[in-house]
Amino acid sequence: MDGSTAPATTRDRIADTAERLFRSMGYQKTAVADIARELGMSPANVYRFFPSKSAINEAITERLLTALFIGAEAAAQAKGTAAERLHAMAEHFRSSSIELFFNEKRMHDMVAAAIGEHWGVIESYIKRFLALSESVIRGGMESGEFADGDPALAAMAFKQVTLAWHHPMMVEECMRIGEGEDAMREHMRITLAYFVAGLKRGIR
């Protein structure tokens, strides 16, 4: 194996092992020493590829959010009206967020920490979300489905109205107070119906 591929492979092995330990032990309880022990290397060697445990945490969070985004991009590029694609995007984020942030509590805790500590990966995720939403809304405006307006501002509004269904702490709170998936789905449907009606009417 040449030197150009070895670092990337080792970095991936570290990330794979860290993610497995985070899922089984929780990221707070997993130490760099635990990761190194699983890999049969020294903690110092781990630090050659990641400068800190936070850097490992951020890499795992980026993996999770990138995987989450693949389905959203597919929904945004699917056939149908712009309104239908916005609904599909929102539903993907809702269902995926419940699976990731509620059913896998340890992953929820890690992403929640990423948000609370303002990790750069969260900022990148928000930018991707806004850009994807803006592209769908702009298409709807250009086709005449939506009234003329500022698609960037509309994308920001879309983020705000759907936040309760893809923000880990809000998803957790909804599930904690007993709001089941059916109720969450219906509340989101009604909220998006009002939002889309506003896009069609425009700001006046």
N, C-alpha and C. Protein backbone atom coordinates (compact mmCIF):
# COMPACT_ATOMS: atom_id res chain seq x y z
N MET A 1 0.85 -1.20 0.00
CA MET A 1 0.00 0.00 0.00
C MET A 1 0.88 1.24 0.00
N ASP A 2 0.63 2.16 -0.93
CA ASP A 2 1.49 3.33 -0.99
C ASP A 2 1.05 4.37 0.02
N GLY A 3 1.94 5.34 0.24
CA GLY A 3 1.69 6.34 1.27
C GLY A 3 0.50 7.22 1.00
N SER A 4 0.07 7.34 -0.27
CA SER A 4 -1.05 8.23 -0.58
C SER A 4 -2.37 7.65 -0.12
N THR A 5 -2.48 6.31 -0.05
CA THR A 5 -3.74 5.72 0.35
C THR A 5 -3.78 5.35 1.83
N ALA A 6 -2.62 5.10 2.43
CA ALA A 6 -2.59 4.65 3.82
C ALA A 6 -3.22 5.64 4.79
N PRO A 7 -2.91 6.94 4.74
CA PRO A 7 -3.51 7.87 5.71
C PRO A 7 -5.04 7.90 5.64
N ALA A 8 -5.58 7.94 4.41
CA ALA A 8 -7.03 7.99 4.28
C ALA A 8 -7.67 6.71 4.82
N THR A 9 -7.05 5.56 4.55
CA THR A 9 -7.58 4.30 5.03
C THR A 9 -7.55 4.24 6.56
N THR A 10 -6.48 4.65 7.15
CA THR A 10 -6.38 4.65 8.62
C THR A 10 -7.38 5.62 9.22
N ARG A 11 -7.52 6.76 8.62
CA ARG A 11 -8.50 7.75 9.11
C ARG A 11 -9.91 7.15 9.07
N ASP A 12 -10.23 6.45 7.99
CA ASP A 12 -11.55 5.83 7.88
C ASP A 12 -11.74 4.74 8.93
N ARG A 13 -10.68 3.95 9.18
CA ARG A 13 -10.75 2.91 10.20
C ARG A 13 -10.99 3.50 11.58
N ILE A 14 -10.33 4.61 11.85
CA ILE A 14 -10.54 5.28 13.13
C ILE A 14 -11.98 5.76 13.25
N ALA A 15 -12.48 6.38 12.18
CA ALA A 15 -13.85 6.89 12.19
C ALA A 15 -14.86 5.75 12.32
N ASP A 16 -14.62 4.65 11.61
CA ASP A 16 -15.52 3.49 11.70
C ASP A 16 -15.57 2.95 13.12
N THR A 17 -14.41 2.80 13.72
CA THR A 17 -14.33 2.27 15.09
C THR A 17 -14.97 3.23 16.07
N ALA A 18 -14.71 4.52 15.90
CA ALA A 18 -15.29 5.52 16.80
C ALA A 18 -16.82 5.50 16.70
N GLU A 19 -17.34 5.42 15.49
CA GLU A 19 -18.79 5.41 15.34
C GLU A 19 -19.40 4.18 16.02
N ARG A 20 -18.76 3.03 15.87
CA ARG A 20 -19.28 1.81 16.51
C ARG A 20 -19.28 1.97 18.03
N LEU A 21 -18.22 2.54 18.58
CA LEU A 21 -18.16 2.75 20.03
C LEU A 21 -19.15 3.81 20.49
N PHE A 22 -19.31 4.85 19.69
CA PHE A 22 -20.28 5.89 20.05
C PHE A 22 -21.68 5.29 20.13
N ARG A 23 -21.99 4.39 19.18
CA ARG A 23 -23.32 3.79 19.15
C ARG A 23 -23.53 2.83 20.32
N SER A 24 -22.48 2.17 20.77
CA SER A 24 -22.62 1.19 21.85
C SER A 24 -22.42 1.78 23.23
N MET A 25 -21.50 2.75 23.35
CA MET A 25 -21.16 3.31 24.66
C MET A 25 -21.66 4.74 24.85
N GLY A 26 -21.88 5.44 23.75
CA GLY A 26 -22.17 6.87 23.82
C GLY A 26 -20.89 7.65 23.60
N TYR A 27 -20.98 8.77 22.91
CA TYR A 27 -19.76 9.49 22.58
C TYR A 27 -19.13 10.15 23.80
N GLN A 28 -19.96 10.49 24.80
CA GLN A 28 -19.41 11.11 26.01
C GLN A 28 -18.53 10.13 26.78
N LYS A 29 -18.92 8.86 26.79
CA LYS A 29 -18.19 7.85 27.56
C LYS A 29 -17.05 7.23 26.79
N THR A 30 -16.99 7.48 25.49
CA THR A 30 -15.92 6.89 24.68
C THR A 30 -14.71 7.80 24.70
N ALA A 31 -13.59 7.27 25.10
CA ALA A 31 -12.33 8.03 25.13
C ALA A 31 -11.49 7.66 23.92
N VAL A 32 -10.56 8.54 23.57
CA VAL A 32 -9.64 8.25 22.48
C VAL A 32 -8.87 6.97 22.79
N ALA A 33 -8.57 6.73 24.05
CA ALA A 33 -7.87 5.51 24.44
C ALA A 33 -8.68 4.27 24.10
N ASP A 34 -10.01 4.36 24.22
CA ASP A 34 -10.88 3.23 23.87
C ASP A 34 -10.80 2.95 22.37
N ILE A 35 -10.82 4.01 21.59
CA ILE A 35 -10.75 3.86 20.13
C ILE A 35 -9.41 3.26 19.74
N ALA A 36 -8.34 3.77 20.33
CA ALA A 36 -6.99 3.27 20.03
C ALA A 36 -6.86 1.81 20.40
N ARG A 37 -7.42 1.43 21.56
CA ARG A 37 -7.32 0.04 22.01
C ARG A 37 -8.01 -0.90 21.03
N GLU A 38 -9.18 -0.50 20.56
CA GLU A 38 -9.91 -1.33 19.61
C GLU A 38 -9.13 -1.53 18.32
N LEU A 39 -8.36 -0.53 17.95
CA LEU A 39 -7.60 -0.57 16.70
C LEU A 39 -6.20 -1.16 16.89
N GLY A 40 -5.82 -1.42 18.12
CA GLY A 40 -4.48 -1.93 18.37
C GLY A 40 -3.39 -0.92 18.09
N MET A 41 -3.68 0.33 18.37
CA MET A 41 -2.68 1.39 18.19
C MET A 41 -2.66 2.27 19.43
N SER A 42 -1.70 3.17 19.47
CA SER A 42 -1.59 4.07 20.62
C SER A 42 -2.48 5.29 20.41
N PRO A 43 -2.94 5.94 21.51
CA PRO A 43 -3.68 7.19 21.37
C PRO A 43 -2.91 8.23 20.56
N ALA A 44 -1.59 8.26 20.71
CA ALA A 44 -0.78 9.23 19.97
C ALA A 44 -0.93 9.02 18.46
N ASN A 45 -1.07 7.76 18.05
CA ASN A 45 -1.23 7.48 16.64
C ASN A 45 -2.59 7.96 16.14
N VAL A 46 -3.62 7.82 16.98
CA VAL A 46 -4.94 8.34 16.61
C VAL A 46 -4.87 9.85 16.40
N TYR A 47 -4.12 10.52 17.28
CA TYR A 47 -4.02 11.97 17.19
C TYR A 47 -3.24 12.43 15.95
N ARG A 48 -2.53 11.53 15.30
CA ARG A 48 -1.88 11.89 14.03
C ARG A 48 -2.91 12.17 12.95
N PHE A 49 -4.09 11.54 13.07
CA PHE A 49 -5.11 11.65 12.04
C PHE A 49 -6.25 12.57 12.45
N PHE A 50 -6.49 12.67 13.74
CA PHE A 50 -7.50 13.58 14.28
C PHE A 50 -6.86 14.35 15.43
N PRO A 51 -6.85 15.67 15.39
CA PRO A 51 -6.15 16.45 16.41
C PRO A 51 -6.78 16.39 17.80
N SER A 52 -8.05 15.97 17.86
CA SER A 52 -8.74 15.92 19.15
C SER A 52 -9.92 14.97 19.05
N LYS A 53 -10.48 14.63 20.20
CA LYS A 53 -11.69 13.81 20.20
C LYS A 53 -12.84 14.58 19.54
N SER A 54 -12.88 15.87 19.74
CA SER A 54 -13.93 16.68 19.10
C SER A 54 -13.88 16.56 17.59
N ALA A 55 -12.66 16.46 17.04
CA ALA A 55 -12.52 16.31 15.59
C ALA A 55 -13.09 14.98 15.13
N ILE A 56 -12.92 13.94 15.94
CA ILE A 56 -13.51 12.64 15.61
C ILE A 56 -15.03 12.74 15.69
N ASN A 57 -15.53 13.35 16.74
CA ASN A 57 -16.97 13.54 16.90
C ASN A 57 -17.57 14.27 15.70
N GLU A 58 -16.88 15.31 15.26
CA GLU A 58 -17.39 16.10 14.15
C GLU A 58 -17.40 15.28 12.86
N ALA A 59 -16.38 14.45 12.67
CA ALA A 59 -16.33 13.61 11.47
C ALA A 59 -17.49 12.62 11.44
N ILE A 60 -17.83 12.06 12.60
CA ILE A 60 -18.94 11.11 12.67
C ILE A 60 -20.26 11.84 12.44
N THR A 61 -20.42 13.02 13.03
CA THR A 61 -21.63 13.80 12.81
C THR A 61 -21.79 14.15 11.34
N GLU A 62 -20.69 14.51 10.69
CA GLU A 62 -20.75 14.81 9.26
C GLU A 62 -21.21 13.61 8.46
N ARG A 63 -20.73 12.43 8.83
CA ARG A 63 -21.18 11.20 8.16
C ARG A 63 -22.69 11.04 8.29
N LEU A 64 -23.20 11.20 9.50
CA LEU A 64 -24.62 11.00 9.76
C LEU A 64 -25.47 11.99 8.96
N LEU A 65 -25.05 13.25 8.96
CA LEU A 65 -25.84 14.27 8.29
C LEU A 65 -25.74 14.16 6.77
N THR A 66 -24.59 13.73 6.28
CA THR A 66 -24.44 13.51 4.84
C THR A 66 -25.37 12.39 4.38
N ALA A 67 -25.42 11.31 5.15
CA ALA A 67 -26.33 10.21 4.82
C ALA A 67 -27.78 10.68 4.86
N LEU A 68 -28.10 11.51 5.85
CA LEU A 68 -29.45 12.06 5.98
C LEU A 68 -29.82 12.90 4.76
N PHE A 69 -28.83 13.58 4.21
CA PHE A 69 -29.10 14.52 3.12
C PHE A 69 -29.33 13.83 1.78
N ILE A 70 -28.82 12.61 1.62
CA ILE A 70 -28.96 11.92 0.33
C ILE A 70 -30.43 11.76 -0.04
N GLY A 71 -31.23 11.34 0.91
CA GLY A 71 -32.66 11.18 0.66
C GLY A 71 -33.36 12.49 0.37
N ALA A 72 -32.92 13.56 1.03
CA ALA A 72 -33.52 14.87 0.80
C ALA A 72 -33.24 15.35 -0.62
N GLU A 73 -32.02 15.11 -1.09
CA GLU A 73 -31.67 15.50 -2.45
C GLU A 73 -32.49 14.71 -3.47
N ALA A 74 -32.72 13.43 -3.19
CA ALA A 74 -33.54 12.62 -4.09
C ALA A 74 -34.97 13.15 -4.13
N ALA A 75 -35.49 13.55 -2.98
CA ALA A 75 -36.85 14.11 -2.93
C ALA A 75 -36.93 15.42 -3.69
N ALA A 76 -35.90 16.24 -3.57
CA ALA A 76 -35.89 17.54 -4.24
C ALA A 76 -35.80 17.41 -5.75
N GLN A 77 -35.20 16.33 -6.23
CA GLN A 77 -35.00 16.15 -7.66
C GLN A 77 -36.02 15.22 -8.29
N ALA A 78 -36.98 14.74 -7.51
CA ALA A 78 -37.99 13.81 -8.02
C ALA A 78 -38.99 14.53 -8.92
N LYS A 79 -39.79 13.75 -9.62
CA LYS A 79 -40.86 14.33 -10.44
C LYS A 79 -41.95 14.87 -9.52
N GLY A 80 -42.73 15.79 -10.07
CA GLY A 80 -43.82 16.36 -9.29
C GLY A 80 -43.70 17.87 -9.20
N THR A 81 -44.68 18.49 -8.62
CA THR A 81 -44.67 19.93 -8.45
C THR A 81 -43.65 20.32 -7.39
N ALA A 82 -43.33 21.60 -7.37
CA ALA A 82 -42.41 22.09 -6.34
C ALA A 82 -43.00 21.87 -4.95
N ALA A 83 -44.30 22.07 -4.82
CA ALA A 83 -44.95 21.87 -3.53
C ALA A 83 -44.84 20.41 -3.09
N GLU A 84 -45.04 19.49 -4.01
CA GLU A 84 -44.93 18.07 -3.69
C GLU A 84 -43.50 17.71 -3.27
N ARG A 85 -42.53 18.32 -3.91
CA ARG A 85 -41.14 18.03 -3.57
C ARG A 85 -40.76 18.62 -2.22
N LEU A 86 -41.30 19.78 -1.89
CA LEU A 86 -41.06 20.34 -0.55
C LEU A 86 -41.67 19.43 0.51
N HIS A 87 -42.87 18.93 0.26
CA HIS A 87 -43.50 18.00 1.19
C HIS A 87 -42.65 16.74 1.35
N ALA A 88 -42.15 16.22 0.22
CA ALA A 88 -41.33 15.00 0.26
C ALA A 88 -40.03 15.23 1.03
N MET A 89 -39.42 16.40 0.83
CA MET A 89 -38.21 16.72 1.58
C MET A 89 -38.50 16.77 3.07
N ALA A 90 -39.57 17.46 3.44
CA ALA A 90 -39.91 17.60 4.86
C ALA A 90 -40.21 16.25 5.48
N GLU A 91 -40.93 15.39 4.75
CA GLU A 91 -41.26 14.07 5.28
C GLU A 91 -40.01 13.22 5.44
N HIS A 92 -39.08 13.35 4.50
CA HIS A 92 -37.82 12.60 4.63
C HIS A 92 -37.07 13.04 5.89
N PHE A 93 -36.94 14.35 6.09
CA PHE A 93 -36.24 14.83 7.27
C PHE A 93 -36.95 14.41 8.54
N ARG A 94 -38.28 14.44 8.53
CA ARG A 94 -39.05 14.06 9.72
C ARG A 94 -38.82 12.60 10.07
N SER A 95 -39.05 11.71 9.11
CA SER A 95 -38.94 10.28 9.40
C SER A 95 -37.49 9.88 9.70
N SER A 96 -36.55 10.43 8.97
CA SER A 96 -35.15 10.09 9.20
C SER A 96 -34.66 10.62 10.53
N SER A 97 -35.14 11.80 10.91
CA SER A 97 -34.73 12.38 12.18
C SER A 97 -35.25 11.56 13.36
N ILE A 98 -36.47 11.05 13.24
CA ILE A 98 -37.00 10.20 14.31
C ILE A 98 -36.15 8.94 14.44
N GLU A 99 -35.83 8.33 13.31
CA GLU A 99 -35.02 7.11 13.34
C GLU A 99 -33.63 7.36 13.93
N LEU A 100 -33.02 8.47 13.51
CA LEU A 100 -31.65 8.76 13.94
C LEU A 100 -31.59 9.35 15.34
N PHE A 101 -32.43 10.36 15.58
CA PHE A 101 -32.30 11.14 16.81
C PHE A 101 -33.09 10.58 17.99
N PHE A 102 -34.10 9.76 17.73
CA PHE A 102 -34.89 9.24 18.84
C PHE A 102 -34.65 7.76 19.07
N ASN A 103 -34.68 6.97 18.00
CA ASN A 103 -34.47 5.54 18.15
C ASN A 103 -33.01 5.20 18.49
N GLU A 104 -32.07 6.05 18.05
CA GLU A 104 -30.67 5.86 18.41
C GLU A 104 -30.24 7.01 19.32
N LYS A 105 -30.57 6.86 20.59
CA LYS A 105 -30.40 7.95 21.55
C LYS A 105 -28.95 8.44 21.62
N ARG A 106 -27.99 7.55 21.51
CA ARG A 106 -26.60 7.97 21.63
C ARG A 106 -26.18 8.85 20.46
N MET A 107 -26.73 8.58 19.28
CA MET A 107 -26.44 9.44 18.12
C MET A 107 -27.14 10.79 18.29
N HIS A 108 -28.33 10.75 18.86
CA HIS A 108 -29.04 11.99 19.16
C HIS A 108 -28.19 12.88 20.06
N ASP A 109 -27.62 12.30 21.11
CA ASP A 109 -26.83 13.09 22.06
C ASP A 109 -25.62 13.73 21.38
N MET A 110 -25.01 13.01 20.46
CA MET A 110 -23.82 13.55 19.79
C MET A 110 -24.19 14.71 18.88
N VAL A 111 -25.27 14.55 18.09
CA VAL A 111 -25.67 15.62 17.19
C VAL A 111 -26.19 16.82 17.98
N ALA A 112 -26.88 16.55 19.08
CA ALA A 112 -27.34 17.64 19.93
C ALA A 112 -26.16 18.44 20.47
N ALA A 113 -25.08 17.74 20.85
CA ALA A 113 -23.88 18.43 21.31
C ALA A 113 -23.26 19.25 20.19
N ALA A 114 -23.29 18.71 18.98
CA ALA A 114 -22.75 19.43 17.83
C ALA A 114 -23.49 20.74 17.62
N ILE A 115 -24.81 20.71 17.80
CA ILE A 115 -25.60 21.93 17.65
C ILE A 115 -25.30 22.90 18.79
N GLY A 116 -25.30 22.37 20.02
CA GLY A 116 -25.08 23.23 21.18
C GLY A 116 -23.70 23.85 21.21
N GLU A 117 -22.71 23.13 20.69
CA GLU A 117 -21.33 23.64 20.71
C GLU A 117 -20.93 24.32 19.41
N HIS A 118 -21.90 24.46 18.49
CA HIS A 118 -21.70 25.20 17.24
C HIS A 118 -20.57 24.62 16.39
N TRP A 119 -20.58 23.29 16.24
CA TRP A 119 -19.58 22.67 15.40
C TRP A 119 -19.77 23.13 13.96
N GLY A 120 -18.66 23.26 13.23
CA GLY A 120 -18.72 23.73 11.85
C GLY A 120 -19.56 22.86 10.95
N VAL A 121 -19.63 21.55 11.25
CA VAL A 121 -20.41 20.65 10.41
C VAL A 121 -21.89 21.01 10.43
N ILE A 122 -22.39 21.55 11.52
CA ILE A 122 -23.79 21.95 11.60
C ILE A 122 -24.04 23.15 10.70
N GLU A 123 -23.13 24.10 10.72
CA GLU A 123 -23.26 25.27 9.83
C GLU A 123 -23.28 24.84 8.38
N SER A 124 -22.43 23.90 8.02
CA SER A 124 -22.39 23.40 6.64
C SER A 124 -23.70 22.70 6.28
N TYR A 125 -24.22 21.94 7.22
CA TYR A 125 -25.49 21.23 6.99
C TYR A 125 -26.62 22.23 6.75
N ILE A 126 -26.68 23.27 7.55
CA ILE A 126 -27.74 24.28 7.39
C ILE A 126 -27.62 24.96 6.02
N LYS A 127 -26.40 25.25 5.61
CA LYS A 127 -26.20 25.88 4.29
C LYS A 127 -26.68 24.97 3.17
N ARG A 128 -26.39 23.68 3.30
CA ARG A 128 -26.85 22.72 2.28
C ARG A 128 -28.37 22.64 2.27
N PHE A 129 -28.97 22.63 3.45
CA PHE A 129 -30.43 22.58 3.56
C PHE A 129 -31.05 23.80 2.87
N LEU A 130 -30.51 24.97 3.16
CA LEU A 130 -31.05 26.20 2.58
C LEU A 130 -30.87 26.22 1.06
N ALA A 131 -29.71 25.80 0.58
CA ALA A 131 -29.45 25.80 -0.86
C ALA A 131 -30.39 24.85 -1.58
N LEU A 132 -30.61 23.67 -1.01
CA LEU A 132 -31.50 22.69 -1.63
C LEU A 132 -32.94 23.20 -1.64
N SER A 133 -33.38 23.75 -0.53
CA SER A 133 -34.74 24.29 -0.44
C SER A 133 -34.92 25.45 -1.42
N GLU A 134 -33.92 26.31 -1.48
CA GLU A 134 -33.99 27.47 -2.37
C GLU A 134 -34.12 27.03 -3.82
N SER A 135 -33.40 25.97 -4.21
CA SER A 135 -33.46 25.52 -5.60
C SER A 135 -34.86 25.04 -5.97
N VAL A 136 -35.52 24.34 -5.06
CA VAL A 136 -36.87 23.85 -5.33
C VAL A 136 -37.85 25.02 -5.40
N ILE A 137 -37.73 25.94 -4.46
CA ILE A 137 -38.64 27.09 -4.43
C ILE A 137 -38.42 27.99 -5.64
N ARG A 138 -37.18 28.20 -6.02
CA ARG A 138 -36.90 29.02 -7.20
C ARG A 138 -37.53 28.39 -8.45
N GLY A 139 -37.41 27.07 -8.54
CA GLY A 139 -38.04 26.39 -9.68
C GLY A 139 -39.55 26.60 -9.70
N GLY A 140 -40.17 26.57 -8.51
CA GLY A 140 -41.61 26.81 -8.43
C GLY A 140 -41.98 28.22 -8.82
N MET A 141 -41.13 29.19 -8.47
CA MET A 141 -41.39 30.58 -8.86
C MET A 141 -41.21 30.77 -10.36
N GLU A 142 -40.19 30.15 -10.91
CA GLU A 142 -39.92 30.31 -12.34
C GLU A 142 -40.99 29.64 -13.19
N SER A 143 -41.58 28.57 -12.69
CA SER A 143 -42.62 27.86 -13.46
C SER A 143 -43.99 28.52 -13.31
N GLY A 144 -44.13 29.44 -12.36
CA GLY A 144 -45.41 30.08 -12.11
C GLY A 144 -46.25 29.38 -11.06
N GLU A 145 -45.75 28.28 -10.53
CA GLU A 145 -46.49 27.58 -9.48
C GLU A 145 -46.56 28.44 -8.22
N PHE A 146 -45.47 29.14 -7.90
CA PHE A 146 -45.43 30.05 -6.77
C PHE A 146 -45.35 31.48 -7.29
N ALA A 147 -45.80 32.41 -6.47
CA ALA A 147 -45.70 33.82 -6.83
C ALA A 147 -44.23 34.25 -6.84
N ASP A 148 -43.94 35.31 -7.60
CA ASP A 148 -42.58 35.84 -7.61
C ASP A 148 -42.19 36.28 -6.20
N GLY A 149 -40.94 36.11 -5.88
CA GLY A 149 -40.45 36.51 -4.57
C GLY A 149 -38.98 36.21 -4.45
N ASP A 150 -38.49 36.26 -3.25
CA ASP A 150 -37.08 35.99 -2.97
C ASP A 150 -36.95 34.53 -2.53
N PRO A 151 -36.43 33.65 -3.38
CA PRO A 151 -36.36 32.23 -3.00
C PRO A 151 -35.46 31.97 -1.80
N ALA A 152 -34.44 32.80 -1.61
CA ALA A 152 -33.55 32.61 -0.46
C ALA A 152 -34.29 32.88 0.85
N LEU A 153 -35.09 33.93 0.87
CA LEU A 153 -35.88 34.23 2.07
C LEU A 153 -36.94 33.17 2.30
N ALA A 154 -37.53 32.68 1.22
CA ALA A 154 -38.54 31.62 1.33
C ALA A 154 -37.91 30.34 1.86
N ALA A 155 -36.68 30.05 1.44
CA ALA A 155 -35.98 28.86 1.94
C ALA A 155 -35.71 28.99 3.43
N MET A 156 -35.37 30.18 3.88
CA MET A 156 -35.16 30.41 5.31
C MET A 156 -36.46 30.16 6.08
N ALA A 157 -37.57 30.62 5.51
CA ALA A 157 -38.87 30.40 6.14
C ALA A 157 -39.21 28.91 6.18
N PHE A 158 -38.87 28.19 5.11
CA PHE A 158 -39.11 26.75 5.06
C PHE A 158 -38.33 26.04 6.17
N LYS A 159 -37.10 26.47 6.37
CA LYS A 159 -36.31 25.89 7.47
C LYS A 159 -36.98 26.12 8.81
N GLN A 160 -37.49 27.34 9.01
CA GLN A 160 -38.10 27.67 10.30
C GLN A 160 -39.38 26.88 10.53
N VAL A 161 -40.22 26.75 9.50
CA VAL A 161 -41.51 26.08 9.71
C VAL A 161 -41.36 24.57 9.84
N THR A 162 -40.24 24.01 9.37
CA THR A 162 -40.05 22.56 9.49
C THR A 162 -39.08 22.18 10.62
N LEU A 163 -38.60 23.16 11.35
CA LEU A 163 -37.56 22.92 12.34
C LEU A 163 -37.98 21.90 13.40
N ALA A 164 -39.25 21.94 13.78
CA ALA A 164 -39.72 21.05 14.85
C ALA A 164 -39.64 19.59 14.47
N TRP A 165 -39.51 19.31 13.17
CA TRP A 165 -39.53 17.91 12.72
C TRP A 165 -38.17 17.41 12.27
N HIS A 166 -37.12 18.24 12.39
CA HIS A 166 -35.79 17.69 12.11
C HIS A 166 -34.70 18.23 13.03
N HIS A 167 -35.09 19.01 14.03
CA HIS A 167 -34.13 19.43 15.04
C HIS A 167 -34.15 18.36 16.15
N PRO A 168 -33.00 17.75 16.49
CA PRO A 168 -33.03 16.61 17.42
C PRO A 168 -33.68 16.89 18.75
N MET A 169 -33.45 18.06 19.34
CA MET A 169 -34.05 18.34 20.64
C MET A 169 -35.56 18.50 20.53
N MET A 170 -36.02 19.11 19.42
CA MET A 170 -37.46 19.30 19.24
C MET A 170 -38.16 17.97 18.94
N VAL A 171 -37.51 17.14 18.13
CA VAL A 171 -38.06 15.81 17.85
C VAL A 171 -38.18 15.02 19.15
N GLU A 172 -37.13 15.08 19.96
CA GLU A 172 -37.13 14.37 21.23
C GLU A 172 -38.25 14.87 22.13
N GLU A 173 -38.45 16.18 22.18
CA GLU A 173 -39.49 16.74 23.04
C GLU A 173 -40.88 16.31 22.57
N CYS A 174 -41.10 16.32 21.24
CA CYS A 174 -42.40 15.90 20.71
C CYS A 174 -42.68 14.45 21.09
N MET A 175 -41.67 13.59 20.98
CA MET A 175 -41.86 12.19 21.33
C MET A 175 -42.00 12.01 22.84
N ARG A 176 -41.30 12.84 23.60
CA ARG A 176 -41.34 12.72 25.06
C ARG A 176 -42.73 13.02 25.61
N ILE A 177 -43.40 14.02 25.04
CA ILE A 177 -44.72 14.40 25.54
C ILE A 177 -45.83 13.55 24.94
N GLY A 178 -45.44 12.53 24.19
CA GLY A 178 -46.43 11.58 23.71
C GLY A 178 -47.05 11.92 22.38
N GLU A 179 -46.46 12.84 21.62
CA GLU A 179 -46.98 13.15 20.29
C GLU A 179 -46.44 12.09 19.33
N GLY A 180 -47.28 11.14 18.97
CA GLY A 180 -46.85 10.04 18.12
C GLY A 180 -46.54 10.46 16.70
N GLU A 181 -46.03 9.51 15.94
CA GLU A 181 -45.63 9.82 14.56
C GLU A 181 -46.80 10.27 13.71
N ASP A 182 -47.96 9.66 13.88
CA ASP A 182 -49.12 10.03 13.07
C ASP A 182 -49.50 11.49 13.33
N ALA A 183 -49.50 11.89 14.59
CA ALA A 183 -49.84 13.27 14.93
C ALA A 183 -48.80 14.24 14.39
N MET A 184 -47.52 13.86 14.53
CA MET A 184 -46.45 14.71 14.00
C MET A 184 -46.58 14.89 12.50
N ARG A 185 -46.87 13.79 11.81
CA ARG A 185 -47.00 13.85 10.35
C ARG A 185 -48.16 14.75 9.94
N GLU A 186 -49.27 14.65 10.67
CA GLU A 186 -50.44 15.46 10.34
C GLU A 186 -50.19 16.94 10.65
N HIS A 187 -49.55 17.23 11.77
CA HIS A 187 -49.22 18.62 12.10
C HIS A 187 -48.30 19.23 11.03
N MET A 188 -47.34 18.44 10.58
CA MET A 188 -46.44 18.92 9.55
C MET A 188 -47.18 19.16 8.24
N ARG A 189 -48.10 18.26 7.90
CA ARG A 189 -48.87 18.42 6.66
C ARG A 189 -49.66 19.72 6.67
N ILE A 190 -50.31 20.01 7.79
CA ILE A 190 -51.11 21.23 7.89
C ILE A 190 -50.21 22.47 7.82
N THR A 191 -49.10 22.42 8.54
CA THR A 191 -48.17 23.56 8.53
C THR A 191 -47.64 23.83 7.12
N LEU A 192 -47.27 22.77 6.41
CA LEU A 192 -46.75 22.95 5.06
C LEU A 192 -47.84 23.41 4.10
N ALA A 193 -49.08 23.01 4.34
CA ALA A 193 -50.17 23.47 3.48
C ALA A 193 -50.30 24.99 3.58
N TYR A 194 -50.20 25.52 4.79
CA TYR A 194 -50.25 26.97 4.96
C TYR A 194 -49.02 27.63 4.33
N PHE A 195 -47.87 27.02 4.50
CA PHE A 195 -46.64 27.58 3.93
C PHE A 195 -46.72 27.63 2.41
N VAL A 196 -47.16 26.55 1.79
CA VAL A 196 -47.26 26.51 0.33
C VAL A 196 -48.31 27.50 -0.16
N ALA A 197 -49.42 27.62 0.59
CA ALA A 197 -50.44 28.61 0.20
C ALA A 197 -49.84 30.00 0.19
N GLY A 198 -48.96 30.28 1.16
CA GLY A 198 -48.28 31.58 1.19
C GLY A 198 -47.36 31.77 0.02
N LEU A 199 -46.65 30.72 -0.39
CA LEU A 199 -45.78 30.81 -1.57
C LEU A 199 -46.59 31.09 -2.83
N LYS A 200 -47.76 30.48 -2.92
CA LYS A 200 -48.58 30.68 -4.12
C LYS A 200 -49.19 32.08 -4.15
N ARG A 201 -49.52 32.58 -2.99
CA ARG A 201 -50.11 33.91 -2.92
C ARG A 201 -49.05 35.01 -2.99
N GLY A 202 -47.90 34.76 -2.36
CA GLY A 202 -46.86 35.76 -2.31
C GLY A 202 -47.03 36.67 -1.10
N ILE A 203 -45.98 37.41 -0.78
CA ILE A 203 -46.03 38.35 0.35
C ILE A 203 -46.64 39.65 -0.13
N ARG A 204 -47.65 40.12 0.61
CA ARG A 204 -48.33 41.36 0.20
C ARG A 204 -48.44 42.30 1.39
